Amino acid sequence: MSKSSSDVARYEQIALDVAGKIVRREYKEGEKLYGRSTLAGKYNVSPETVRRAVALLQSMNIVEPQPGRGIIIHSRQNAEVFLREFEGRRLLEDLQGRISQMIQERRKLDQMLEEELGRLVNFVFKSNTRLQQIEEIEVPENSAMVGMSLESIRFRSVTGATVLALARDGEDIYSPDGTMALRAGDLLLLVGPPEAKEKVRRLVSGQLPV
């Protein structure tokens, strides 16, 4: 999430306010900045907080302490750079926060999907009806299905089976996209009536539908 004004340290807020006044020419180059005690009263903070704010402005070469004169406004251009960099940092933090939140939400959805698919597979395994049987069939290297997608060969309508998951390179892909090209060695976890198994084996062996 981006920083609100309450998230920014008080001395940073003061430095930003002073830099803004310099950019708007309310404070001009060569002019003396108010003394620390005056600034402390103006912003209702301790002298220590003002010292940190002035030190930040000095580190950015916006103000310059001069013996006998005090803190002098040095560069309006550097004040502009400071404001841009601070805003850029806030935008980056906001982007990082939103990306982190989306990643967390995606992980939660992935976990929920995996749990629900696990329940489905467990239910089917425990079912004794002839309407649902789980089978695992590997796509061999010489299969005509290699390079084709489940959708292009009308897998479900031809066999009556539904692919629940696809195991590839040690990864389980649940509810695979029907347009994903099949590879040799892919292990299909499918569910369907008993007669579907033989239809799938014929399809895998090379008997593609016309």
N, C-alpha and C. Protein backbone atom coordinates (compact mmCIF):
# COMPACT_ATOMS: atom_id res chain seq x y z
N MET A 1 0.84 -1.19 0.00
CA MET A 1 0.00 0.00 0.00
C MET A 1 0.88 1.24 0.00
N SER A 2 0.44 2.33 -0.58
CA SER A 2 1.23 3.56 -0.59
C SER A 2 1.19 4.21 0.77
N LYS A 3 2.22 5.02 1.02
CA LYS A 3 2.29 5.68 2.31
C LYS A 3 1.36 6.86 2.34
N SER A 4 0.58 6.95 3.39
CA SER A 4 -0.21 8.16 3.62
C SER A 4 0.66 9.13 4.38
N SER A 5 0.16 10.35 4.55
CA SER A 5 0.96 11.35 5.27
C SER A 5 1.27 10.90 6.69
N SER A 6 0.38 10.08 7.28
CA SER A 6 0.62 9.62 8.64
C SER A 6 1.71 8.56 8.68
N ASP A 7 1.99 7.88 7.53
CA ASP A 7 3.03 6.87 7.48
C ASP A 7 4.42 7.48 7.28
N VAL A 8 4.48 8.70 6.74
CA VAL A 8 5.75 9.36 6.50
C VAL A 8 6.23 9.98 7.81
N ALA A 9 7.52 9.79 8.10
CA ALA A 9 8.08 10.36 9.33
C ALA A 9 7.85 11.86 9.36
N ARG A 10 7.66 12.40 10.56
CA ARG A 10 7.34 13.83 10.69
C ARG A 10 8.44 14.70 10.11
N TYR A 11 9.70 14.32 10.31
CA TYR A 11 10.78 15.15 9.77
C TYR A 11 10.77 15.13 8.25
N GLU A 12 10.35 14.00 7.65
CA GLU A 12 10.23 13.93 6.20
C GLU A 12 9.11 14.85 5.72
N GLN A 13 8.00 14.87 6.45
CA GLN A 13 6.89 15.75 6.09
C GLN A 13 7.35 17.21 6.08
N ILE A 14 8.13 17.58 7.09
CA ILE A 14 8.62 18.96 7.18
C ILE A 14 9.56 19.26 6.02
N ALA A 15 10.48 18.32 5.72
CA ALA A 15 11.40 18.51 4.61
C ALA A 15 10.65 18.65 3.29
N LEU A 16 9.61 17.84 3.10
CA LEU A 16 8.81 17.91 1.88
C LEU A 16 8.07 19.24 1.79
N ASP A 17 7.57 19.72 2.94
CA ASP A 17 6.85 20.99 2.94
C ASP A 17 7.78 22.14 2.59
N VAL A 18 8.97 22.11 3.16
CA VAL A 18 9.94 23.17 2.87
C VAL A 18 10.36 23.11 1.40
N ALA A 19 10.62 21.89 0.89
CA ALA A 19 11.01 21.74 -0.51
C ALA A 19 9.89 22.24 -1.43
N GLY A 20 8.66 21.95 -1.06
CA GLY A 20 7.53 22.43 -1.87
C GLY A 20 7.46 23.94 -1.90
N LYS A 21 7.72 24.57 -0.78
CA LYS A 21 7.72 26.04 -0.73
C LYS A 21 8.85 26.62 -1.56
N ILE A 22 9.99 25.90 -1.59
CA ILE A 22 11.10 26.37 -2.42
C ILE A 22 10.74 26.26 -3.90
N VAL A 23 10.12 25.15 -4.28
CA VAL A 23 9.72 24.96 -5.67
C VAL A 23 8.71 26.03 -6.08
N ARG A 24 7.80 26.36 -5.16
CA ARG A 24 6.78 27.39 -5.46
C ARG A 24 7.32 28.80 -5.29
N ARG A 25 8.59 28.90 -4.97
CA ARG A 25 9.28 30.18 -4.79
C ARG A 25 8.76 30.98 -3.60
N GLU A 26 8.14 30.32 -2.66
CA GLU A 26 7.80 31.00 -1.41
C GLU A 26 9.08 31.23 -0.61
N TYR A 27 10.03 30.29 -0.74
CA TYR A 27 11.39 30.49 -0.25
C TYR A 27 12.28 30.57 -1.49
N LYS A 28 13.11 31.58 -1.60
CA LYS A 28 13.92 31.77 -2.79
C LYS A 28 15.37 31.42 -2.53
N GLU A 29 16.07 31.05 -3.60
CA GLU A 29 17.49 30.72 -3.49
C GLU A 29 18.25 31.92 -2.93
N GLY A 30 19.14 31.63 -1.99
CA GLY A 30 19.93 32.67 -1.37
C GLY A 30 19.33 33.23 -0.10
N GLU A 31 18.03 32.97 0.10
CA GLU A 31 17.38 33.44 1.32
C GLU A 31 17.75 32.54 2.49
N LYS A 32 17.63 33.09 3.68
CA LYS A 32 17.89 32.34 4.90
C LYS A 32 16.61 31.63 5.33
N LEU A 33 16.77 30.36 5.64
CA LEU A 33 15.65 29.60 6.17
C LEU A 33 15.45 29.99 7.62
N TYR A 34 14.21 29.89 8.09
CA TYR A 34 13.94 30.20 9.50
C TYR A 34 14.88 29.41 10.40
N GLY A 35 15.17 29.97 11.56
CA GLY A 35 15.97 29.26 12.54
C GLY A 35 15.26 28.02 13.04
N ARG A 36 16.02 27.10 13.63
CA ARG A 36 15.44 25.83 14.08
C ARG A 36 14.33 26.03 15.10
N SER A 37 14.53 26.98 16.00
CA SER A 37 13.50 27.20 17.02
C SER A 37 12.23 27.75 16.39
N THR A 38 12.39 28.63 15.40
CA THR A 38 11.22 29.17 14.70
C THR A 38 10.48 28.08 13.94
N LEU A 39 11.25 27.23 13.25
CA LEU A 39 10.64 26.11 12.51
C LEU A 39 9.97 25.13 13.46
N ALA A 40 10.60 24.90 14.62
CA ALA A 40 10.02 23.98 15.59
C ALA A 40 8.66 24.50 16.06
N GLY A 41 8.58 25.82 16.28
CA GLY A 41 7.30 26.39 16.68
C GLY A 41 6.30 26.38 15.55
N LYS A 42 6.76 26.65 14.34
CA LYS A 42 5.88 26.70 13.16
C LYS A 42 5.23 25.35 12.91
N TYR A 43 6.02 24.26 13.05
CA TYR A 43 5.49 22.92 12.77
C TYR A 43 5.07 22.17 14.04
N ASN A 44 5.24 22.85 15.18
CA ASN A 44 4.83 22.26 16.46
C ASN A 44 5.53 20.93 16.71
N VAL A 45 6.86 20.93 16.54
CA VAL A 45 7.66 19.74 16.77
C VAL A 45 8.86 20.12 17.62
N SER A 46 9.63 19.12 17.99
CA SER A 46 10.82 19.36 18.79
C SER A 46 11.96 19.85 17.92
N PRO A 47 12.95 20.54 18.51
CA PRO A 47 14.13 20.96 17.73
C PRO A 47 14.85 19.79 17.08
N GLU A 48 14.83 18.65 17.73
CA GLU A 48 15.48 17.46 17.17
C GLU A 48 14.83 17.05 15.84
N THR A 49 13.50 17.12 15.79
CA THR A 49 12.80 16.80 14.54
C THR A 49 13.16 17.78 13.45
N VAL A 50 13.26 19.06 13.80
CA VAL A 50 13.66 20.08 12.82
C VAL A 50 15.08 19.83 12.35
N ARG A 51 15.99 19.46 13.24
CA ARG A 51 17.37 19.17 12.86
C ARG A 51 17.43 18.05 11.84
N ARG A 52 16.60 17.02 12.04
CA ARG A 52 16.59 15.89 11.10
C ARG A 52 16.04 16.33 9.74
N ALA A 53 15.02 17.18 9.77
CA ALA A 53 14.45 17.68 8.51
C ALA A 53 15.48 18.50 7.75
N VAL A 54 16.18 19.39 8.46
CA VAL A 54 17.20 20.23 7.82
C VAL A 54 18.35 19.37 7.31
N ALA A 55 18.72 18.34 8.09
CA ALA A 55 19.80 17.45 7.66
C ALA A 55 19.42 16.72 6.38
N LEU A 56 18.14 16.32 6.25
CA LEU A 56 17.68 15.66 5.03
C LEU A 56 17.76 16.62 3.84
N LEU A 57 17.31 17.85 4.04
CA LEU A 57 17.39 18.85 2.97
C LEU A 57 18.84 19.15 2.61
N GLN A 58 19.70 19.17 3.60
CA GLN A 58 21.11 19.42 3.34
C GLN A 58 21.73 18.26 2.56
N SER A 59 21.36 17.03 2.90
CA SER A 59 21.91 15.86 2.21
C SER A 59 21.51 15.84 0.74
N MET A 60 20.38 16.47 0.42
CA MET A 60 19.92 16.55 -0.97
C MET A 60 20.44 17.83 -1.65
N ASN A 61 21.30 18.58 -0.92
CA ASN A 61 21.91 19.82 -1.45
C ASN A 61 20.85 20.86 -1.79
N ILE A 62 19.77 20.86 -1.00
CA ILE A 62 18.70 21.85 -1.19
C ILE A 62 18.98 23.09 -0.35
N VAL A 63 19.49 22.87 0.85
CA VAL A 63 19.89 23.98 1.71
C VAL A 63 21.36 23.80 2.07
N GLU A 64 21.97 24.90 2.54
CA GLU A 64 23.39 24.86 2.84
C GLU A 64 23.67 25.72 4.08
N PRO A 65 24.25 25.12 5.11
CA PRO A 65 24.60 25.93 6.28
C PRO A 65 25.82 26.81 5.98
N GLN A 66 25.71 28.07 6.30
CA GLN A 66 26.83 28.99 6.08
C GLN A 66 27.18 29.67 7.40
N PRO A 67 28.44 29.59 7.79
CA PRO A 67 28.85 30.20 9.06
C PRO A 67 28.49 31.69 9.11
N GLY A 68 27.87 32.05 10.18
CA GLY A 68 27.51 33.45 10.39
C GLY A 68 26.21 33.85 9.73
N ARG A 69 25.67 33.02 8.84
CA ARG A 69 24.42 33.36 8.15
C ARG A 69 23.28 32.42 8.51
N GLY A 70 23.62 31.19 8.83
CA GLY A 70 22.58 30.20 9.15
C GLY A 70 22.34 29.26 7.98
N ILE A 71 21.11 28.73 7.89
CA ILE A 71 20.73 27.79 6.83
C ILE A 71 20.21 28.58 5.64
N ILE A 72 20.90 28.45 4.50
CA ILE A 72 20.56 29.23 3.31
C ILE A 72 19.93 28.31 2.25
N ILE A 73 18.89 28.81 1.59
CA ILE A 73 18.28 28.08 0.48
C ILE A 73 19.28 28.02 -0.66
N HIS A 74 19.65 26.80 -1.09
CA HIS A 74 20.72 26.65 -2.06
C HIS A 74 20.22 26.38 -3.48
N SER A 75 19.25 25.46 -3.64
CA SER A 75 18.90 25.05 -5.01
C SER A 75 17.42 24.68 -5.13
N ARG A 76 16.71 25.44 -5.95
CA ARG A 76 15.32 25.12 -6.26
C ARG A 76 15.24 23.86 -7.11
N GLN A 77 16.20 23.69 -8.02
CA GLN A 77 16.22 22.53 -8.90
C GLN A 77 16.37 21.24 -8.09
N ASN A 78 17.25 21.25 -7.09
CA ASN A 78 17.41 20.07 -6.25
C ASN A 78 16.15 19.78 -5.43
N ALA A 79 15.42 20.82 -5.08
CA ALA A 79 14.16 20.62 -4.37
C ALA A 79 13.14 19.90 -5.27
N GLU A 80 13.14 20.28 -6.55
CA GLU A 80 12.25 19.61 -7.49
C GLU A 80 12.62 18.13 -7.62
N VAL A 81 13.92 17.86 -7.71
CA VAL A 81 14.39 16.47 -7.82
C VAL A 81 13.98 15.68 -6.59
N PHE A 82 14.13 16.28 -5.42
CA PHE A 82 13.76 15.62 -4.17
C PHE A 82 12.28 15.25 -4.15
N LEU A 83 11.43 16.17 -4.57
CA LEU A 83 9.99 15.90 -4.58
C LEU A 83 9.65 14.79 -5.58
N ARG A 84 10.29 14.82 -6.76
CA ARG A 84 10.03 13.78 -7.76
C ARG A 84 10.48 12.41 -7.26
N GLU A 85 11.67 12.36 -6.66
CA GLU A 85 12.18 11.09 -6.16
C GLU A 85 11.30 10.53 -5.05
N PHE A 86 10.81 11.42 -4.19
CA PHE A 86 9.96 10.96 -3.10
C PHE A 86 8.65 10.40 -3.65
N GLU A 87 8.07 11.11 -4.62
CA GLU A 87 6.82 10.63 -5.22
C GLU A 87 7.05 9.31 -5.96
N GLY A 88 8.21 9.19 -6.64
CA GLY A 88 8.53 7.94 -7.31
C GLY A 88 8.66 6.79 -6.33
N ARG A 89 9.25 7.07 -5.16
CA ARG A 89 9.37 6.04 -4.14
C ARG A 89 8.01 5.61 -3.63
N ARG A 90 7.12 6.57 -3.46
CA ARG A 90 5.77 6.24 -2.99
C ARG A 90 5.03 5.40 -4.02
N LEU A 91 5.18 5.73 -5.32
CA LEU A 91 4.52 4.96 -6.37
C LEU A 91 5.07 3.54 -6.41
N LEU A 92 6.40 3.39 -6.25
CA LEU A 92 7.01 2.07 -6.27
C LEU A 92 6.52 1.23 -5.09
N GLU A 93 6.44 1.85 -3.91
CA GLU A 93 5.96 1.13 -2.74
C GLU A 93 4.50 0.71 -2.91
N ASP A 94 3.72 1.58 -3.54
CA ASP A 94 2.32 1.25 -3.80
C ASP A 94 2.22 0.06 -4.75
N LEU A 95 3.05 0.09 -5.82
CA LEU A 95 3.04 -1.01 -6.78
C LEU A 95 3.48 -2.31 -6.13
N GLN A 96 4.54 -2.25 -5.34
CA GLN A 96 5.02 -3.45 -4.66
C GLN A 96 3.95 -4.01 -3.72
N GLY A 97 3.26 -3.10 -3.01
CA GLY A 97 2.22 -3.55 -2.09
C GLY A 97 1.07 -4.23 -2.81
N ARG A 98 0.65 -3.65 -3.96
CA ARG A 98 -0.47 -4.23 -4.70
C ARG A 98 -0.08 -5.57 -5.32
N ILE A 99 1.15 -5.67 -5.83
CA ILE A 99 1.61 -6.94 -6.39
C ILE A 99 1.66 -8.01 -5.31
N SER A 100 2.18 -7.66 -4.14
CA SER A 100 2.25 -8.60 -3.03
C SER A 100 0.86 -9.08 -2.62
N GLN A 101 -0.10 -8.14 -2.58
CA GLN A 101 -1.46 -8.50 -2.22
C GLN A 101 -2.08 -9.44 -3.26
N MET A 102 -1.84 -9.17 -4.55
CA MET A 102 -2.39 -10.02 -5.60
C MET A 102 -1.78 -11.42 -5.56
N ILE A 103 -0.47 -11.49 -5.25
CA ILE A 103 0.18 -12.80 -5.15
C ILE A 103 -0.42 -13.61 -4.01
N GLN A 104 -0.66 -12.95 -2.88
CA GLN A 104 -1.27 -13.64 -1.74
C GLN A 104 -2.67 -14.12 -2.09
N GLU A 105 -3.44 -13.28 -2.79
CA GLU A 105 -4.80 -13.68 -3.17
C GLU A 105 -4.76 -14.84 -4.15
N ARG A 106 -3.79 -14.81 -5.10
CA ARG A 106 -3.68 -15.90 -6.06
C ARG A 106 -3.32 -17.20 -5.37
N ARG A 107 -2.42 -17.13 -4.39
CA ARG A 107 -2.04 -18.34 -3.66
C ARG A 107 -3.24 -18.93 -2.92
N LYS A 108 -4.06 -18.05 -2.36
CA LYS A 108 -5.25 -18.53 -1.66
C LYS A 108 -6.20 -19.22 -2.63
N LEU A 109 -6.39 -18.62 -3.82
CA LEU A 109 -7.27 -19.22 -4.82
C LEU A 109 -6.70 -20.55 -5.31
N ASP A 110 -5.38 -20.61 -5.53
CA ASP A 110 -4.76 -21.86 -5.96
C ASP A 110 -4.96 -22.95 -4.91
N GLN A 111 -4.81 -22.58 -3.65
CA GLN A 111 -4.99 -23.55 -2.57
C GLN A 111 -6.43 -24.04 -2.50
N MET A 112 -7.38 -23.09 -2.65
CA MET A 112 -8.79 -23.47 -2.62
C MET A 112 -9.13 -24.40 -3.78
N LEU A 113 -8.59 -24.08 -4.98
CA LEU A 113 -8.84 -24.91 -6.15
C LEU A 113 -8.27 -26.31 -5.95
N GLU A 114 -7.05 -26.38 -5.42
CA GLU A 114 -6.43 -27.68 -5.19
C GLU A 114 -7.22 -28.50 -4.18
N GLU A 115 -7.72 -27.85 -3.14
CA GLU A 115 -8.51 -28.56 -2.13
C GLU A 115 -9.81 -29.10 -2.72
N GLU A 116 -10.48 -28.27 -3.53
CA GLU A 116 -11.74 -28.69 -4.13
C GLU A 116 -11.54 -29.82 -5.13
N LEU A 117 -10.49 -29.72 -5.94
CA LEU A 117 -10.20 -30.80 -6.89
C LEU A 117 -9.81 -32.07 -6.15
N GLY A 118 -9.09 -31.92 -5.03
CA GLY A 118 -8.75 -33.08 -4.22
C GLY A 118 -10.00 -33.77 -3.68
N ARG A 119 -10.97 -32.97 -3.24
CA ARG A 119 -12.24 -33.55 -2.76
C ARG A 119 -12.95 -34.30 -3.89
N LEU A 120 -12.90 -33.70 -5.09
CA LEU A 120 -13.56 -34.34 -6.23
C LEU A 120 -12.89 -35.68 -6.55
N VAL A 121 -11.57 -35.70 -6.60
CA VAL A 121 -10.86 -36.94 -6.90
C VAL A 121 -11.12 -37.99 -5.83
N ASN A 122 -11.09 -37.59 -4.57
CA ASN A 122 -11.34 -38.54 -3.49
C ASN A 122 -12.74 -39.11 -3.56
N PHE A 123 -13.69 -38.25 -3.90
CA PHE A 123 -15.07 -38.71 -4.02
C PHE A 123 -15.21 -39.74 -5.13
N VAL A 124 -14.56 -39.44 -6.26
CA VAL A 124 -14.67 -40.36 -7.40
C VAL A 124 -13.99 -41.68 -7.09
N PHE A 125 -12.85 -41.64 -6.43
CA PHE A 125 -12.16 -42.88 -6.07
C PHE A 125 -13.02 -43.75 -5.16
N LYS A 126 -13.76 -43.10 -4.27
CA LYS A 126 -14.56 -43.85 -3.30
C LYS A 126 -15.89 -44.31 -3.87
N SER A 127 -16.25 -43.76 -5.03
CA SER A 127 -17.54 -44.10 -5.61
C SER A 127 -17.50 -45.52 -6.18
N ASN A 128 -18.54 -46.31 -5.92
CA ASN A 128 -18.63 -47.68 -6.42
C ASN A 128 -19.55 -47.81 -7.61
N THR A 129 -20.08 -46.68 -8.09
CA THR A 129 -20.96 -46.75 -9.24
C THR A 129 -20.15 -46.95 -10.49
N ARG A 130 -20.73 -47.51 -11.51
CA ARG A 130 -20.03 -47.76 -12.76
C ARG A 130 -19.96 -46.51 -13.63
N LEU A 131 -20.61 -45.42 -13.14
CA LEU A 131 -20.62 -44.21 -13.95
C LEU A 131 -19.31 -43.45 -13.88
N GLN A 132 -18.56 -43.65 -12.81
CA GLN A 132 -17.34 -42.88 -12.64
C GLN A 132 -16.18 -43.79 -12.26
N GLN A 133 -15.15 -43.81 -13.06
CA GLN A 133 -13.93 -44.55 -12.74
C GLN A 133 -12.73 -43.69 -13.12
N ILE A 134 -11.75 -43.70 -12.23
CA ILE A 134 -10.53 -42.93 -12.46
C ILE A 134 -9.52 -43.80 -13.19
N GLU A 135 -8.90 -43.26 -14.22
CA GLU A 135 -7.87 -43.96 -14.97
C GLU A 135 -6.68 -43.03 -15.18
N GLU A 136 -5.51 -43.64 -15.28
CA GLU A 136 -4.29 -42.90 -15.63
C GLU A 136 -3.75 -43.50 -16.91
N ILE A 137 -3.62 -42.67 -17.93
CA ILE A 137 -3.13 -43.14 -19.23
C ILE A 137 -2.03 -42.20 -19.71
N GLU A 138 -0.91 -42.81 -20.09
CA GLU A 138 0.24 -42.02 -20.54
C GLU A 138 0.20 -41.86 -22.05
N VAL A 139 0.61 -40.69 -22.51
CA VAL A 139 0.71 -40.42 -23.95
C VAL A 139 2.08 -40.88 -24.43
N PRO A 140 2.16 -41.93 -25.25
CA PRO A 140 3.47 -42.43 -25.70
C PRO A 140 4.09 -41.52 -26.76
N GLU A 141 5.37 -41.73 -27.01
CA GLU A 141 6.09 -40.87 -27.96
C GLU A 141 5.54 -40.99 -29.38
N ASN A 142 5.04 -42.19 -29.73
CA ASN A 142 4.58 -42.39 -31.10
C ASN A 142 3.09 -42.08 -31.26
N SER A 143 2.49 -41.48 -30.25
CA SER A 143 1.06 -41.20 -30.31
C SER A 143 0.78 -40.05 -31.28
N ALA A 144 -0.29 -40.20 -32.04
CA ALA A 144 -0.69 -39.13 -32.95
C ALA A 144 -1.21 -37.91 -32.19
N MET A 145 -1.47 -38.08 -30.89
CA MET A 145 -1.97 -36.98 -30.07
C MET A 145 -0.87 -35.98 -29.71
N VAL A 146 0.39 -36.40 -29.83
CA VAL A 146 1.50 -35.51 -29.46
C VAL A 146 1.45 -34.25 -30.34
N GLY A 147 1.46 -33.11 -29.71
CA GLY A 147 1.39 -31.84 -30.42
C GLY A 147 -0.02 -31.35 -30.65
N MET A 148 -1.00 -32.20 -30.36
CA MET A 148 -2.39 -31.80 -30.53
C MET A 148 -2.99 -31.46 -29.17
N SER A 149 -4.13 -30.80 -29.20
CA SER A 149 -4.80 -30.42 -27.96
C SER A 149 -6.04 -31.29 -27.76
N LEU A 150 -6.49 -31.37 -26.51
CA LEU A 150 -7.71 -32.12 -26.20
C LEU A 150 -8.90 -31.55 -26.97
N GLU A 151 -8.89 -30.24 -27.13
CA GLU A 151 -9.99 -29.59 -27.82
C GLU A 151 -10.00 -29.93 -29.31
N SER A 152 -8.81 -29.95 -29.93
CA SER A 152 -8.74 -30.19 -31.37
C SER A 152 -9.13 -31.61 -31.75
N ILE A 153 -8.93 -32.57 -30.83
CA ILE A 153 -9.31 -33.96 -31.14
C ILE A 153 -10.66 -34.33 -30.54
N ARG A 154 -11.35 -33.34 -29.99
CA ARG A 154 -12.69 -33.53 -29.40
C ARG A 154 -12.67 -34.68 -28.39
N PHE A 155 -11.68 -34.63 -27.49
CA PHE A 155 -11.40 -35.72 -26.56
C PHE A 155 -12.64 -36.14 -25.78
N ARG A 156 -13.33 -35.19 -25.20
CA ARG A 156 -14.45 -35.53 -24.32
C ARG A 156 -15.62 -36.13 -25.11
N SER A 157 -15.94 -35.54 -26.25
CA SER A 157 -17.08 -36.03 -27.01
C SER A 157 -16.79 -37.38 -27.64
N VAL A 158 -15.52 -37.64 -27.99
CA VAL A 158 -15.15 -38.90 -28.63
C VAL A 158 -15.07 -40.04 -27.62
N THR A 159 -14.50 -39.78 -26.44
CA THR A 159 -14.26 -40.86 -25.48
C THR A 159 -15.30 -40.91 -24.36
N GLY A 160 -15.96 -39.81 -24.06
CA GLY A 160 -16.86 -39.76 -22.93
C GLY A 160 -16.14 -39.55 -21.61
N ALA A 161 -14.83 -39.34 -21.65
CA ALA A 161 -14.02 -39.15 -20.45
C ALA A 161 -13.67 -37.67 -20.27
N THR A 162 -13.41 -37.29 -19.03
CA THR A 162 -13.01 -35.93 -18.70
C THR A 162 -11.63 -35.96 -18.05
N VAL A 163 -10.71 -35.14 -18.56
CA VAL A 163 -9.36 -35.08 -17.98
C VAL A 163 -9.41 -34.16 -16.75
N LEU A 164 -9.16 -34.77 -15.59
CA LEU A 164 -9.16 -34.00 -14.34
C LEU A 164 -7.82 -33.30 -14.12
N ALA A 165 -6.75 -33.98 -14.51
CA ALA A 165 -5.42 -33.42 -14.28
C ALA A 165 -4.45 -34.00 -15.30
N LEU A 166 -3.35 -33.31 -15.48
CA LEU A 166 -2.30 -33.75 -16.38
C LEU A 166 -0.98 -33.64 -15.64
N ALA A 167 -0.27 -34.77 -15.54
CA ALA A 167 1.04 -34.77 -14.87
C ALA A 167 2.13 -34.62 -15.92
N ARG A 168 2.97 -33.57 -15.75
CA ARG A 168 4.02 -33.29 -16.73
C ARG A 168 5.25 -32.77 -16.01
N ASP A 169 6.37 -33.45 -16.22
CA ASP A 169 7.65 -33.01 -15.63
C ASP A 169 7.55 -32.82 -14.13
N GLY A 170 6.85 -33.74 -13.47
CA GLY A 170 6.75 -33.69 -12.02
C GLY A 170 5.74 -32.70 -11.50
N GLU A 171 5.01 -32.03 -12.39
CA GLU A 171 4.02 -31.03 -11.98
C GLU A 171 2.62 -31.53 -12.33
N ASP A 172 1.69 -31.36 -11.39
CA ASP A 172 0.29 -31.72 -11.62
C ASP A 172 -0.47 -30.48 -12.07
N ILE A 173 -1.03 -30.56 -13.27
CA ILE A 173 -1.80 -29.45 -13.81
C ILE A 173 -3.28 -29.82 -13.74
N TYR A 174 -4.00 -29.23 -12.80
CA TYR A 174 -5.41 -29.55 -12.61
C TYR A 174 -6.27 -28.79 -13.62
N SER A 175 -7.31 -29.45 -14.10
CA SER A 175 -8.22 -28.86 -15.08
C SER A 175 -7.43 -28.19 -16.21
N PRO A 176 -6.59 -28.96 -16.94
CA PRO A 176 -5.74 -28.35 -17.97
C PRO A 176 -6.57 -27.67 -19.06
N ASP A 177 -5.99 -26.61 -19.60
CA ASP A 177 -6.63 -25.86 -20.67
C ASP A 177 -6.79 -26.78 -21.89
N GLY A 178 -7.99 -26.80 -22.46
CA GLY A 178 -8.26 -27.67 -23.60
C GLY A 178 -7.43 -27.35 -24.82
N THR A 179 -6.85 -26.14 -24.89
CA THR A 179 -6.04 -25.75 -26.05
C THR A 179 -4.56 -26.06 -25.86
N MET A 180 -4.18 -26.60 -24.70
CA MET A 180 -2.77 -26.88 -24.43
C MET A 180 -2.31 -28.10 -25.23
N ALA A 181 -1.21 -27.97 -25.93
CA ALA A 181 -0.69 -29.06 -26.74
C ALA A 181 -0.16 -30.18 -25.86
N LEU A 182 -0.49 -31.41 -26.21
CA LEU A 182 -0.04 -32.56 -25.45
C LEU A 182 1.39 -32.91 -25.83
N ARG A 183 2.11 -33.52 -24.87
CA ARG A 183 3.50 -33.92 -25.10
C ARG A 183 3.64 -35.41 -24.82
N ALA A 184 4.65 -36.02 -25.42
CA ALA A 184 4.96 -37.41 -25.11
C ALA A 184 5.33 -37.51 -23.64
N GLY A 185 4.81 -38.51 -22.97
CA GLY A 185 5.09 -38.69 -21.55
C GLY A 185 4.06 -38.05 -20.64
N ASP A 186 3.17 -37.24 -21.19
CA ASP A 186 2.10 -36.66 -20.36
C ASP A 186 1.25 -37.79 -19.78
N LEU A 187 0.93 -37.68 -18.50
CA LEU A 187 0.09 -38.68 -17.84
C LEU A 187 -1.28 -38.05 -17.61
N LEU A 188 -2.30 -38.61 -18.25
CA LEU A 188 -3.65 -38.08 -18.14
C LEU A 188 -4.40 -38.77 -17.02
N LEU A 189 -4.89 -37.99 -16.07
CA LEU A 189 -5.76 -38.50 -15.01
C LEU A 189 -7.18 -38.17 -15.43
N LEU A 190 -7.94 -39.19 -15.78
CA LEU A 190 -9.26 -38.93 -16.34
C LEU A 190 -10.34 -39.72 -15.61
N VAL A 191 -11.56 -39.24 -15.77
CA VAL A 191 -12.70 -39.88 -15.14
C VAL A 191 -13.78 -40.08 -16.20
N GLY A 192 -14.46 -41.20 -16.11
CA GLY A 192 -15.52 -41.48 -17.07
C GLY A 192 -16.08 -42.87 -16.87
N PRO A 193 -17.04 -43.25 -17.66
CA PRO A 193 -17.62 -44.58 -17.57
C PRO A 193 -16.59 -45.64 -17.96
N PRO A 194 -16.81 -46.91 -17.59
CA PRO A 194 -15.82 -47.97 -17.86
C PRO A 194 -15.43 -48.08 -19.32
N GLU A 195 -16.39 -47.93 -20.23
CA GLU A 195 -16.08 -48.08 -21.65
C GLU A 195 -15.20 -46.95 -22.18
N ALA A 196 -15.10 -45.84 -21.41
CA ALA A 196 -14.28 -44.71 -21.87
C ALA A 196 -12.80 -45.06 -21.89
N LYS A 197 -12.38 -45.94 -20.98
CA LYS A 197 -10.96 -46.29 -20.89
C LYS A 197 -10.46 -46.85 -22.21
N GLU A 198 -11.20 -47.79 -22.81
CA GLU A 198 -10.77 -48.39 -24.06
C GLU A 198 -10.76 -47.38 -25.20
N LYS A 199 -11.74 -46.48 -25.19
CA LYS A 199 -11.79 -45.45 -26.22
C LYS A 199 -10.57 -44.54 -26.12
N VAL A 200 -10.20 -44.22 -24.90
CA VAL A 200 -9.02 -43.36 -24.71
C VAL A 200 -7.77 -44.08 -25.18
N ARG A 201 -7.65 -45.37 -24.87
CA ARG A 201 -6.47 -46.13 -25.28
C ARG A 201 -6.37 -46.18 -26.81
N ARG A 202 -7.51 -46.36 -27.49
CA ARG A 202 -7.49 -46.37 -28.95
C ARG A 202 -7.08 -45.00 -29.49
N LEU A 203 -7.59 -43.96 -28.82
CA LEU A 203 -7.26 -42.59 -29.25
C LEU A 203 -5.78 -42.31 -29.06
N VAL A 204 -5.26 -42.72 -27.92
CA VAL A 204 -3.84 -42.50 -27.61
C VAL A 204 -2.94 -43.28 -28.56
N SER A 205 -3.38 -44.47 -28.92
CA SER A 205 -2.55 -45.33 -29.79
C SER A 205 -2.50 -44.84 -31.23
N GLY A 206 -3.37 -43.90 -31.59
CA GLY A 206 -3.27 -43.35 -32.92
C GLY A 206 -4.53 -43.33 -33.71
N GLN A 207 -5.63 -43.88 -33.15
CA GLN A 207 -6.88 -43.91 -33.87
C GLN A 207 -7.64 -42.61 -33.62
N LEU A 208 -7.20 -41.55 -34.28
CA LEU A 208 -7.81 -40.23 -34.10
C LEU A 208 -9.14 -40.17 -34.79
N PRO A 209 -10.09 -39.40 -34.27
CA PRO A 209 -11.40 -39.26 -34.92
C PRO A 209 -11.27 -38.52 -36.23
N VAL A 210 -12.14 -38.86 -37.14
CA VAL A 210 -12.14 -38.21 -38.44
C VAL A 210 -12.88 -36.90 -38.37
